[in-house]
Amino acid sequence: MTTSPTAAPAGVPFGAHRIGADEPVYVIGEIGLNHNGDVEIAKQLIDVAAEAGAQAVKFQKRTPDISTPLAQRDQIRQTPWGEMTYLEYRYRVEFNREQYLEVGAHATARGLDWFASPWDVPSVEFLEELDVVGHKVASASVTDLELLSALAATGKPVILSTGMSTLEQIDVAVETLGTERLILLHATSTYPLPPEEANLRTITTLQERYGVPVGYSGHERGLQISVAAVALGAVAVERHITLDRTMWGSDQASSLEPTGLKNLVRDIRIVEQAMGDGVKRVFPGELAPLSRLRRVGA
């Protein structure tokens, strides 16, 4: 793939914000399926994101008959609602149109952008009918060119996670989506993510290769890796959020609880301030120590 990268790609309009190098880091609270099919839990998680100072919340939208792998459909799963097949479980945790309208209105009322990761083409059409601000491609969907083509056709900005993917696969995905309204997220799809697999320097690799804004989607425990990603230039940070990590669900254990998300946003904003502009100067706060401690002048 031939690309024409820029050192500092311009920000991409996304909802009420812009995502880019000269913009505040765009913090996404990934609700995903951590609502367990309950609108009230989803609203509580939206409140958590708003009170922490995030800019957006994200869900996942599937058409279970299409997106559920054939080999898993009839597998029996133990759930809080009893024993059911995996396909039945997928339907159990999916929101319908009215439920999405309700949680979307709540997010908007709390000042948050909201959107979702569609896992199939009908889900793209479903979300477009709700007029979401943009779309997110899950790492598992990087090679689903039919889905990517449908997303490109919407004309909406797209955030593409790059976990479990080679550069060659990402090349094809980027070519399919185009770069005009694209944000990439570096990700490693290990749950939970061990530090040795974070590979944060890939943020720079993606920036240089594609010339688009690059953020970070984290599945680690704790905050340090996400904060380090910001120091390395990540323009957006996405983390799963939960009310309680002991709740039932596959993503709960690697999610941030309310205090964790609040602390993450706090630390991101501190790092943003600390990065500066790279111009070496004597700051006002140094003048008193300078006059008191420097014995030999210039």
C-alpha atoms as a PDB file:
ATOM      1  CA  MET A   1       0.000   0.000   0.000  1.00  0.00           C
ATOM      2  CA  THR A   2       1.319   3.456  -0.885  1.00  0.00           C
ATOM      3  CA  THR A   3       0.532   6.156   1.662  1.00  0.00           C
ATOM      4  CA  SER A   4       1.369   9.823   2.034  1.00  0.00           C
ATOM      5  CA  PRO A   5       1.657  10.276   5.804  1.00  0.00           C
ATOM      6  CA  THR A   6       1.877  13.631   7.514  1.00  0.00           C
ATOM      7  CA  ALA A   7       3.701  14.375  10.745  1.00  0.00           C
ATOM      8  CA  ALA A   8       0.602  15.762  12.459  1.00  0.00           C
ATOM      9  CA  PRO A   9      -2.617  14.775  10.648  1.00  0.00           C
ATOM     10  CA  ALA A  10      -5.482  17.214  10.925  1.00  0.00           C
ATOM     11  CA  GLY A  11      -8.254  16.422  13.343  1.00  0.00           C
ATOM     12  CA  VAL A  12     -11.261  14.434  12.147  1.00  0.00           C
ATOM     13  CA  PRO A  13     -14.689  15.841  13.110  1.00  0.00           C
ATOM     14  CA  PHE A  14     -16.469  13.286  15.274  1.00  0.00           C
ATOM     15  CA  GLY A  15     -19.764  14.168  16.923  1.00  0.00           C
ATOM     16  CA  ALA A  16     -19.364  17.329  18.978  1.00  0.00           C
ATOM     17  CA  HIS A  17     -15.562  17.063  18.895  1.00  0.00           C
ATOM     18  CA  ARG A  18     -12.521  16.681  16.674  1.00  0.00           C
ATOM     19  CA  ILE A  19     -10.047  13.828  17.063  1.00  0.00           C
ATOM     20  CA  GLY A  20      -6.466  14.720  16.233  1.00  0.00           C
ATOM     21  CA  ALA A  21      -3.017  15.709  17.398  1.00  0.00           C
ATOM     22  CA  ASP A  22      -3.918  19.285  18.298  1.00  0.00           C
ATOM     23  CA  GLU A  23      -7.139  18.364  20.099  1.00  0.00           C
ATOM     24  CA  PRO A  24      -7.870  17.123  23.632  1.00  0.00           C
ATOM     25  CA  VAL A  25      -7.601  13.346  23.869  1.00  0.00           C
ATOM     26  CA  TYR A  26     -11.003  11.843  23.002  1.00  0.00           C
ATOM     27  CA  VAL A  27     -11.934   9.432  25.804  1.00  0.00           C
ATOM     28  CA  ILE A  28     -14.420   6.690  24.940  1.00  0.00           C
ATOM     29  CA  GLY A  29     -16.176   4.646  27.604  1.00  0.00           C
ATOM     30  CA  GLU A  30     -16.745   1.285  25.908  1.00  0.00           C
ATOM     31  CA  ILE A  31     -19.984  -0.056  27.359  1.00  0.00           C
ATOM     32  CA  GLY A  32     -20.088  -2.847  24.781  1.00  0.00           C
ATOM     33  CA  LEU A  33     -22.300  -5.574  26.219  1.00  0.00           C
ATOM     34  CA  ASN A  34     -21.478  -4.785  29.845  1.00  0.00           C
ATOM     35  CA  HIS A  35     -25.076  -3.610  30.222  1.00  0.00           C
ATOM     36  CA  ASN A  36     -26.132  -7.289  29.992  1.00  0.00           C
ATOM     37  CA  GLY A  37     -29.216  -6.296  28.033  1.00  0.00           C
ATOM     38  CA  ASP A  38     -30.479  -3.953  30.760  1.00  0.00           C
ATOM     39  CA  VAL A  39     -31.305  -0.354  29.750  1.00  0.00           C
ATOM     40  CA  GLU A  40     -31.007   0.904  33.322  1.00  0.00           C
ATOM     41  CA  ILE A  41     -27.483  -0.511  33.656  1.00  0.00           C
ATOM     42  CA  ALA A  42     -26.611   1.130  30.334  1.00  0.00           C
ATOM     43  CA  LYS A  43     -27.875   4.473  31.644  1.00  0.00           C
ATOM     44  CA  GLN A  44     -25.834   4.082  34.814  1.00  0.00           C
ATOM     45  CA  LEU A  45     -22.727   3.400  32.720  1.00  0.00           C
ATOM     46  CA  ILE A  46     -23.455   6.498  30.623  1.00  0.00           C
ATOM     47  CA  ASP A  47     -23.625   8.483  33.862  1.00  0.00           C
ATOM     48  CA  VAL A  48     -20.278   7.002  34.912  1.00  0.00           C
ATOM     49  CA  ALA A  49     -18.673   8.147  31.647  1.00  0.00           C
ATOM     50  CA  ALA A  50     -20.170  11.629  31.872  1.00  0.00           C
ATOM     51  CA  GLU A  51     -19.157  12.132  35.495  1.00  0.00           C
ATOM     52  CA  ALA A  52     -15.617  10.952  34.744  1.00  0.00           C
ATOM     53  CA  GLY A  53     -15.225  13.559  31.988  1.00  0.00           C
ATOM     54  CA  ALA A  54     -15.240  11.217  28.971  1.00  0.00           C
ATOM     55  CA  GLN A  55     -16.392  12.492  25.582  1.00  0.00           C
ATOM     56  CA  ALA A  56     -18.248   9.412  24.325  1.00  0.00           C
ATOM     57  CA  VAL A  57     -19.764   6.045  25.074  1.00  0.00           C
ATOM     58  CA  LYS A  58     -19.794   3.129  22.668  1.00  0.00           C
ATOM     59  CA  PHE A  59     -21.947   0.026  22.323  1.00  0.00           C
ATOM     60  CA  GLN A  60     -21.814  -3.105  20.150  1.00  0.00           C
ATOM     61  CA  LYS A  61     -24.548  -3.913  17.625  1.00  0.00           C
ATOM     62  CA  ARG A  62     -25.028  -7.338  16.112  1.00  0.00           C
ATOM     63  CA  THR A  63     -27.566  -9.205  14.051  1.00  0.00           C
ATOM     64  CA  PRO A  64     -27.052 -12.479  15.926  1.00  0.00           C
ATOM     65  CA  ASP A  65     -28.192 -14.727  13.077  1.00  0.00           C
ATOM     66  CA  ILE A  66     -25.431 -13.235  10.910  1.00  0.00           C
ATOM     67  CA  SER A  67     -22.624 -12.427  13.312  1.00  0.00           C
ATOM     68  CA  THR A  68     -22.690 -15.511  15.549  1.00  0.00           C
ATOM     69  CA  PRO A  69     -20.199 -18.127  14.264  1.00  0.00           C
ATOM     70  CA  LEU A  70     -21.955 -21.298  13.126  1.00  0.00           C
ATOM     71  CA  ALA A  71     -19.780 -23.494  15.334  1.00  0.00           C
ATOM     72  CA  GLN A  72     -20.890 -21.593  18.439  1.00  0.00           C
ATOM     73  CA  ARG A  73     -24.611 -21.079  17.811  1.00  0.00           C
ATOM     74  CA  ASP A  74     -25.888 -24.221  19.499  1.00  0.00           C
ATOM     75  CA  GLN A  75     -23.321 -24.373  22.290  1.00  0.00           C
ATOM     76  CA  ILE A  76     -25.012 -24.338  25.685  1.00  0.00           C
ATOM     77  CA  ARG A  77     -24.112 -21.413  27.908  1.00  0.00           C
ATOM     78  CA  GLN A  78     -24.789 -20.885  31.580  1.00  0.00           C
ATOM     79  CA  THR A  79     -26.145 -17.356  32.064  1.00  0.00           C
ATOM     80  CA  PRO A  80     -27.793 -15.305  34.826  1.00  0.00           C
ATOM     81  CA  TRP A  81     -31.078 -15.940  32.956  1.00  0.00           C
ATOM     82  CA  GLY A  82     -30.660 -19.696  32.916  1.00  0.00           C
ATOM     83  CA  GLU A  83     -29.203 -22.228  30.507  1.00  0.00           C
ATOM     84  CA  MET A  84     -29.497 -21.247  26.839  1.00  0.00           C
ATOM     85  CA  THR A  85     -27.714 -21.607  23.525  1.00  0.00           C
ATOM     86  CA  TYR A  86     -25.071 -19.073  22.600  1.00  0.00           C
ATOM     87  CA  LEU A  87     -27.358 -17.715  19.864  1.00  0.00           C
ATOM     88  CA  GLU A  88     -30.202 -17.269  22.358  1.00  0.00           C
ATOM     89  CA  TYR A  89     -27.789 -15.471  24.689  1.00  0.00           C
ATOM     90  CA  ARG A  90     -26.754 -13.118  21.880  1.00  0.00           C
ATOM     91  CA  TYR A  91     -30.372 -12.164  21.307  1.00  0.00           C
ATOM     92  CA  ARG A  92     -30.911 -11.770  25.051  1.00  0.00           C
ATOM     93  CA  VAL A  93     -28.268  -9.015  25.394  1.00  0.00           C
ATOM     94  CA  GLU A  94     -29.054  -7.094  22.186  1.00  0.00           C
ATOM     95  CA  PHE A  95     -30.885  -3.772  22.429  1.00  0.00           C
ATOM     96  CA  ASN A  96     -33.725  -3.122  19.989  1.00  0.00           C
ATOM     97  CA  ARG A  97     -34.491   0.195  18.292  1.00  0.00           C
ATOM     98  CA  GLU A  98     -36.584   1.595  21.146  1.00  0.00           C
ATOM     99  CA  GLN A  99     -33.938   0.671  23.723  1.00  0.00           C
ATOM    100  CA  TYR A 100     -31.180   2.291  21.648  1.00  0.00           C
ATOM    101  CA  LEU A 101     -33.285   5.432  21.262  1.00  0.00           C
ATOM    102  CA  GLU A 102     -33.658   5.532  25.039  1.00  0.00           C
ATOM    103  CA  VAL A 103     -29.991   5.042  25.898  1.00  0.00           C
ATOM    104  CA  GLY A 104     -28.888   7.303  23.031  1.00  0.00           C
ATOM    105  CA  ALA A 105     -31.133  10.101  24.267  1.00  0.00           C
ATOM    106  CA  HIS A 106     -29.695   9.655  27.748  1.00  0.00           C
ATOM    107  CA  ALA A 107     -26.133   9.890  26.427  1.00  0.00           C
ATOM    108  CA  THR A 108     -26.960  13.031  24.470  1.00  0.00           C
ATOM    109  CA  ALA A 109     -28.617  14.576  27.521  1.00  0.00           C
ATOM    110  CA  ARG A 110     -25.410  13.908  29.490  1.00  0.00           C
ATOM    111  CA  GLY A 111     -23.355  15.703  26.823  1.00  0.00           C
ATOM    112  CA  LEU A 112     -21.770  12.580  25.352  1.00  0.00           C
ATOM    113  CA  ASP A 113     -21.342  11.382  21.790  1.00  0.00           C
ATOM    114  CA  TRP A 114     -22.624   7.833  21.386  1.00  0.00           C
ATOM    115  CA  PHE A 115     -22.056   5.264  18.690  1.00  0.00           C
ATOM    116  CA  ALA A 116     -21.455   1.547  18.284  1.00  0.00           C
ATOM    117  CA  SER A 117     -19.424  -1.165  16.613  1.00  0.00           C
ATOM    118  CA  PRO A 118     -21.629  -2.815  13.978  1.00  0.00           C
ATOM    119  CA  TRP A 119     -20.674  -6.439  13.376  1.00  0.00           C
ATOM    120  CA  ASP A 120     -22.621  -6.915  10.125  1.00  0.00           C
ATOM    121  CA  VAL A 121     -24.140  -4.893   7.305  1.00  0.00           C
ATOM    122  CA  PRO A 122     -27.738  -4.865   8.654  1.00  0.00           C
ATOM    123  CA  SER A 123     -26.349  -3.443  11.889  1.00  0.00           C
ATOM    124  CA  VAL A 124     -24.765  -0.602   9.901  1.00  0.00           C
ATOM    125  CA  GLU A 125     -28.180   0.139   8.400  1.00  0.00           C
ATOM    126  CA  PHE A 126     -29.783  -0.075  11.865  1.00  0.00           C
ATOM    127  CA  LEU A 127     -27.326   2.452  13.324  1.00  0.00           C
ATOM    128  CA  GLU A 128     -27.632   4.770  10.337  1.00  0.00           C
ATOM    129  CA  GLU A 129     -31.388   4.936  10.930  1.00  0.00           C
ATOM    130  CA  LEU A 130     -30.565   6.164  14.443  1.00  0.00           C
ATOM    131  CA  ASP A 131     -28.209   8.788  12.948  1.00  0.00           C
ATOM    132  CA  VAL A 132     -25.176   7.916  15.054  1.00  0.00           C
ATOM    133  CA  VAL A 133     -22.294  10.406  14.870  1.00  0.00           C
ATOM    134  CA  GLY A 134     -19.867   7.829  13.480  1.00  0.00           C
ATOM    135  CA  HIS A 135     -18.972   4.166  13.524  1.00  0.00           C
ATOM    136  CA  LYS A 136     -16.373   1.925  15.142  1.00  0.00           C
ATOM    137  CA  VAL A 137     -14.848  -1.162  13.572  1.00  0.00           C
ATOM    138  CA  ALA A 138     -13.982  -3.848  16.101  1.00  0.00           C
ATOM    139  CA  SER A 139     -10.626  -5.558  15.712  1.00  0.00           C
ATOM    140  CA  ALA A 140     -12.403  -8.796  14.831  1.00  0.00           C
ATOM    141  CA  SER A 141     -13.955  -7.076  11.784  1.00  0.00           C
ATOM    142  CA  VAL A 142     -10.789  -5.657  10.192  1.00  0.00           C
ATOM    143  CA  THR A 143     -10.913  -8.237   7.384  1.00  0.00           C
ATOM    144  CA  ASP A 144     -14.696  -8.002   6.788  1.00  0.00           C
ATOM    145  CA  LEU A 145     -14.514  -5.998   3.577  1.00  0.00           C
ATOM    146  CA  GLU A 146     -18.272  -6.144   2.979  1.00  0.00           C
ATOM    147  CA  LEU A 147     -18.805  -4.462   6.348  1.00  0.00           C
ATOM    148  CA  LEU A 148     -16.032  -1.920   5.731  1.00  0.00           C
ATOM    149  CA  SER A 149     -17.469  -1.023   2.326  1.00  0.00           C
ATOM    150  CA  ALA A 150     -20.882  -0.446   3.889  1.00  0.00           C
ATOM    151  CA  LEU A 151     -19.319   1.812   6.509  1.00  0.00           C
ATOM    152  CA  ALA A 152     -17.376   3.769   3.895  1.00  0.00           C
ATOM    153  CA  ALA A 153     -20.607   4.331   1.963  1.00  0.00           C
ATOM    154  CA  THR A 154     -22.213   6.079   4.956  1.00  0.00           C
ATOM    155  CA  GLY A 155     -19.831   9.022   4.653  1.00  0.00           C
ATOM    156  CA  LYS A 156     -19.549   9.060   8.449  1.00  0.00           C
ATOM    157  CA  PRO A 157     -16.210   9.130  10.297  1.00  0.00           C
ATOM    158  CA  VAL A 158     -14.925   5.684  11.218  1.00  0.00           C
ATOM    159  CA  ILE A 159     -12.719   4.551  14.105  1.00  0.00           C
ATOM    160  CA  LEU A 160     -10.844   1.346  13.231  1.00  0.00           C
ATOM    161  CA  SER A 161      -9.318  -0.855  15.930  1.00  0.00           C
ATOM    162  CA  THR A 162      -6.325  -2.843  14.731  1.00  0.00           C
ATOM    163  CA  GLY A 163      -5.981  -5.716  17.203  1.00  0.00           C
ATOM    164  CA  MET A 164      -5.285  -9.277  15.982  1.00  0.00           C
ATOM    165  CA  SER A 165      -4.322  -7.841  12.567  1.00  0.00           C
ATOM    166  CA  THR A 166      -1.193  -7.653  10.419  1.00  0.00           C
ATOM    167  CA  LEU A 167      -0.083  -4.456   8.701  1.00  0.00           C
ATOM    168  CA  GLU A 168      -1.031  -6.017   5.377  1.00  0.00           C
ATOM    169  CA  GLN A 169      -4.578  -6.631   6.616  1.00  0.00           C
ATOM    170  CA  ILE A 170      -4.768  -3.075   7.967  1.00  0.00           C
ATOM    171  CA  ASP A 171      -3.512  -1.789   4.588  1.00  0.00           C
ATOM    172  CA  VAL A 172      -6.507  -3.365   2.856  1.00  0.00           C
ATOM    173  CA  ALA A 173      -8.925  -2.100   5.502  1.00  0.00           C
ATOM    174  CA  VAL A 174      -7.585   1.460   5.231  1.00  0.00           C
ATOM    175  CA  GLU A 175      -7.764   1.343   1.443  1.00  0.00           C
ATOM    176  CA  THR A 176     -11.386   0.178   1.670  1.00  0.00           C
ATOM    177  CA  LEU A 177     -12.407   2.842   4.189  1.00  0.00           C
ATOM    178  CA  GLY A 178     -10.335   5.722   2.812  1.00  0.00           C
ATOM    179  CA  THR A 179      -8.327   8.083   4.990  1.00  0.00           C
ATOM    180  CA  GLU A 180     -10.368  11.290   4.828  1.00  0.00           C
ATOM    181  CA  ARG A 181     -12.559  10.510   7.862  1.00  0.00           C
ATOM    182  CA  LEU A 182     -10.535   7.711   9.476  1.00  0.00           C
ATOM    183  CA  ILE A 183      -9.093   7.325  12.970  1.00  0.00           C
ATOM    184  CA  LEU A 184      -7.039   4.238  13.832  1.00  0.00           C
ATOM    185  CA  LEU A 185      -6.728   2.719  17.294  1.00  0.00           C
ATOM    186  CA  HIS A 186      -3.699   0.634  18.188  1.00  0.00           C
ATOM    187  CA  ALA A 187      -4.904  -2.414  20.100  1.00  0.00           C
ATOM    188  CA  THR A 188      -3.811  -5.843  21.227  1.00  0.00           C
ATOM    189  CA  SER A 189      -6.817  -8.135  21.591  1.00  0.00           C
ATOM    190  CA  THR A 190      -5.676 -10.067  24.646  1.00  0.00           C
ATOM    191  CA  TYR A 191      -8.120  -9.990  27.584  1.00  0.00           C
ATOM    192  CA  PRO A 192      -6.790  -8.893  29.991  1.00  0.00           C
ATOM    193  CA  LEU A 193      -3.744  -7.408  28.265  1.00  0.00           C
ATOM    194  CA  PRO A 194      -0.334  -8.206  29.811  1.00  0.00           C
ATOM    195  CA  PRO A 195       2.170  -5.304  29.600  1.00  0.00           C
ATOM    196  CA  GLU A 196       4.591  -7.260  27.430  1.00  0.00           C
ATOM    197  CA  GLU A 197       1.941  -7.485  24.683  1.00  0.00           C
ATOM    198  CA  ALA A 198       0.942  -3.796  24.704  1.00  0.00           C
ATOM    199  CA  ASN A 199       3.593  -2.832  22.102  1.00  0.00           C
ATOM    200  CA  LEU A 200       2.765   0.874  22.415  1.00  0.00           C
ATOM    201  CA  ARG A 201       5.441   1.965  19.934  1.00  0.00           C
ATOM    202  CA  THR A 202       3.067   0.668  17.262  1.00  0.00           C
ATOM    203  CA  ILE A 203       1.182   3.959  17.739  1.00  0.00           C
ATOM    204  CA  THR A 204       4.084   5.698  15.996  1.00  0.00           C
ATOM    205  CA  THR A 205       4.254   2.953  13.346  1.00  0.00           C
ATOM    206  CA  LEU A 206       0.604   3.488  12.439  1.00  0.00           C
ATOM    207  CA  GLN A 207       0.944   7.287  12.439  1.00  0.00           C
ATOM    208  CA  GLU A 208       3.886   7.158  10.055  1.00  0.00           C
ATOM    209  CA  ARG A 209       2.388   4.495   7.778  1.00  0.00           C
ATOM    210  CA  TYR A 210      -1.110   5.911   7.292  1.00  0.00           C
ATOM    211  CA  GLY A 211      -0.940   9.612   8.124  1.00  0.00           C
ATOM    212  CA  VAL A 212      -4.228   9.583  10.065  1.00  0.00           C
ATOM    213  CA  PRO A 213      -4.974  10.257  13.744  1.00  0.00           C
ATOM    214  CA  VAL A 214      -4.065   7.253  15.896  1.00  0.00           C
ATOM    215  CA  GLY A 215      -5.402   6.432  19.340  1.00  0.00           C
ATOM    216  CA  TYR A 216      -5.331   3.458  21.680  1.00  0.00           C
ATOM    217  CA  SER A 217      -7.903   0.845  22.696  1.00  0.00           C
ATOM    218  CA  GLY A 218      -6.820  -0.865  25.896  1.00  0.00           C
ATOM    219  CA  HIS A 219      -7.824  -4.124  27.555  1.00  0.00           C
ATOM    220  CA  GLU A 220      -5.276  -4.050  30.359  1.00  0.00           C
ATOM    221  CA  ARG A 221      -5.871  -3.907  34.078  1.00  0.00           C
ATOM    222  CA  GLY A 222      -4.949  -0.551  35.587  1.00  0.00           C
ATOM    223  CA  LEU A 223      -4.250   2.836  34.057  1.00  0.00           C
ATOM    224  CA  GLN A 224      -0.517   3.041  33.367  1.00  0.00           C
ATOM    225  CA  ILE A 225      -0.475   1.663  29.817  1.00  0.00           C
ATOM    226  CA  SER A 226      -3.322   3.914  28.646  1.00  0.00           C
ATOM    227  CA  VAL A 227      -1.611   6.980  30.128  1.00  0.00           C
ATOM    228  CA  ALA A 228       1.670   5.982  28.485  1.00  0.00           C
ATOM    229  CA  ALA A 229      -0.164   5.696  25.154  1.00  0.00           C
ATOM    230  CA  VAL A 230      -1.166   9.342  25.461  1.00  0.00           C
ATOM    231  CA  ALA A 231       2.443  10.320  26.160  1.00  0.00           C
ATOM    232  CA  LEU A 232       3.390   8.484  22.947  1.00  0.00           C
ATOM    233  CA  GLY A 233       0.871  10.470  20.918  1.00  0.00           C
ATOM    234  CA  ALA A 234      -2.459   8.623  21.169  1.00  0.00           C
ATOM    235  CA  VAL A 235      -5.222  11.097  20.277  1.00  0.00           C
ATOM    236  CA  ALA A 236      -8.055   8.925  21.630  1.00  0.00           C
ATOM    237  CA  VAL A 237      -8.299   6.341  24.386  1.00  0.00           C
ATOM    238  CA  GLU A 238     -11.000   3.689  24.570  1.00  0.00           C
ATOM    239  CA  ARG A 239     -11.508   1.538  27.652  1.00  0.00           C
ATOM    240  CA  HIS A 240     -14.268  -0.862  28.633  1.00  0.00           C
ATOM    241  CA  ILE A 241     -16.251   0.381  31.618  1.00  0.00           C
ATOM    242  CA  THR A 242     -18.338  -1.467  34.193  1.00  0.00           C
ATOM    243  CA  LEU A 243     -20.230  -0.782  37.386  1.00  0.00           C
ATOM    244  CA  ASP A 244     -18.427  -3.685  39.064  1.00  0.00           C
ATOM    245  CA  ARG A 245     -15.739  -5.988  37.652  1.00  0.00           C
ATOM    246  CA  THR A 246     -17.348  -8.966  39.407  1.00  0.00           C
ATOM    247  CA  MET A 247     -20.546  -8.635  37.321  1.00  0.00           C
ATOM    248  CA  TRP A 248     -21.357 -11.445  34.898  1.00  0.00           C
ATOM    249  CA  GLY A 249     -19.938 -11.039  31.398  1.00  0.00           C
ATOM    250  CA  SER A 250     -16.768 -11.756  29.428  1.00  0.00           C
ATOM    251  CA  ASP A 251     -15.523  -8.140  29.331  1.00  0.00           C
ATOM    252  CA  GLN A 252     -16.236  -7.157  32.928  1.00  0.00           C
ATOM    253  CA  ALA A 253     -12.926  -8.281  34.448  1.00  0.00           C
ATOM    254  CA  SER A 254     -10.815  -6.172  32.072  1.00  0.00           C
ATOM    255  CA  SER A 255     -13.037  -3.094  32.439  1.00  0.00           C
ATOM    256  CA  LEU A 256     -12.585   0.048  34.503  1.00  0.00           C
ATOM    257  CA  GLU A 257     -14.918   0.698  37.396  1.00  0.00           C
ATOM    258  CA  PRO A 258     -16.230   4.270  37.949  1.00  0.00           C
ATOM    259  CA  THR A 259     -13.299   5.449  40.080  1.00  0.00           C
ATOM    260  CA  GLY A 260     -10.824   3.939  37.639  1.00  0.00           C
ATOM    261  CA  LEU A 261     -12.327   5.777  34.676  1.00  0.00           C
ATOM    262  CA  LYS A 262     -12.396   9.050  36.600  1.00  0.00           C
ATOM    263  CA  ASN A 263      -8.729   8.621  37.533  1.00  0.00           C
ATOM    264  CA  LEU A 264      -7.815   7.736  33.952  1.00  0.00           C
ATOM    265  CA  VAL A 265      -9.396  10.912  32.562  1.00  0.00           C
ATOM    266  CA  ARG A 266      -7.682  12.946  35.289  1.00  0.00           C
ATOM    267  CA  ASP A 267      -4.285  11.450  34.462  1.00  0.00           C
ATOM    268  CA  ILE A 268      -4.769  11.894  30.718  1.00  0.00           C
ATOM    269  CA  ARG A 269      -5.492  15.598  31.176  1.00  0.00           C
ATOM    270  CA  ILE A 270      -2.390  15.995  33.364  1.00  0.00           C
ATOM    271  CA  VAL A 271      -0.218  14.288  30.742  1.00  0.00           C
ATOM    272  CA  GLU A 272      -1.682  16.519  28.017  1.00  0.00           C
ATOM    273  CA  GLN A 273      -0.634  19.609  29.971  1.00  0.00           C
ATOM    274  CA  ALA A 274       2.792  18.150  30.714  1.00  0.00           C
ATOM    275  CA  MET A 275       3.676  17.364  27.078  1.00  0.00           C
ATOM    276  CA  GLY A 276       4.222  21.041  26.164  1.00  0.00           C
ATOM    277  CA  ASP A 277       5.341  22.259  22.758  1.00  0.00           C
ATOM    278  CA  GLY A 278       8.945  21.062  22.751  1.00  0.00           C
ATOM    279  CA  VAL A 279      10.419  24.578  22.758  1.00  0.00           C
ATOM    280  CA  LYS A 280      13.120  24.826  25.425  1.00  0.00           C
ATOM    281  CA  ARG A 281      12.641  27.944  27.541  1.00  0.00           C
ATOM    282  CA  VAL A 282      13.064  29.227  31.073  1.00  0.00           C
ATOM    283  CA  PHE A 283       9.648  29.134  32.717  1.00  0.00           C
ATOM    284  CA  PRO A 284       8.440  31.773  35.187  1.00  0.00           C
ATOM    285  CA  GLY A 285       8.523  29.261  38.010  1.00  0.00           C
ATOM    286  CA  GLU A 286      12.261  28.791  37.461  1.00  0.00           C
ATOM    287  CA  LEU A 287      13.198  32.455  37.897  1.00  0.00           C
ATOM    288  CA  ALA A 288      13.311  32.445  41.691  1.00  0.00           C
ATOM    289  CA  PRO A 289      15.411  29.246  41.900  1.00  0.00           C
ATOM    290  CA  LEU A 290      17.631  30.638  39.116  1.00  0.00           C
ATOM    291  CA  SER A 291      18.424  33.811  41.032  1.00  0.00           C
ATOM    292  CA  ARG A 292      18.967  31.876  44.240  1.00  0.00           C
ATOM    293  CA  LEU A 293      20.991  28.901  42.979  1.00  0.00           C
ATOM    294  CA  ARG A 294      22.966  29.818  39.854  1.00  0.00           C
ATOM    295  CA  ARG A 295      26.391  31.142  40.820  1.00  0.00           C
ATOM    296  CA  VAL A 296      27.851  31.762  37.338  1.00  0.00           C
ATOM    297  CA  GLY A 297      25.846  33.759  34.814  1.00  0.00           C
ATOM    298  CA  ALA A 298      25.862  33.283  31.052  1.00  0.00           C
END
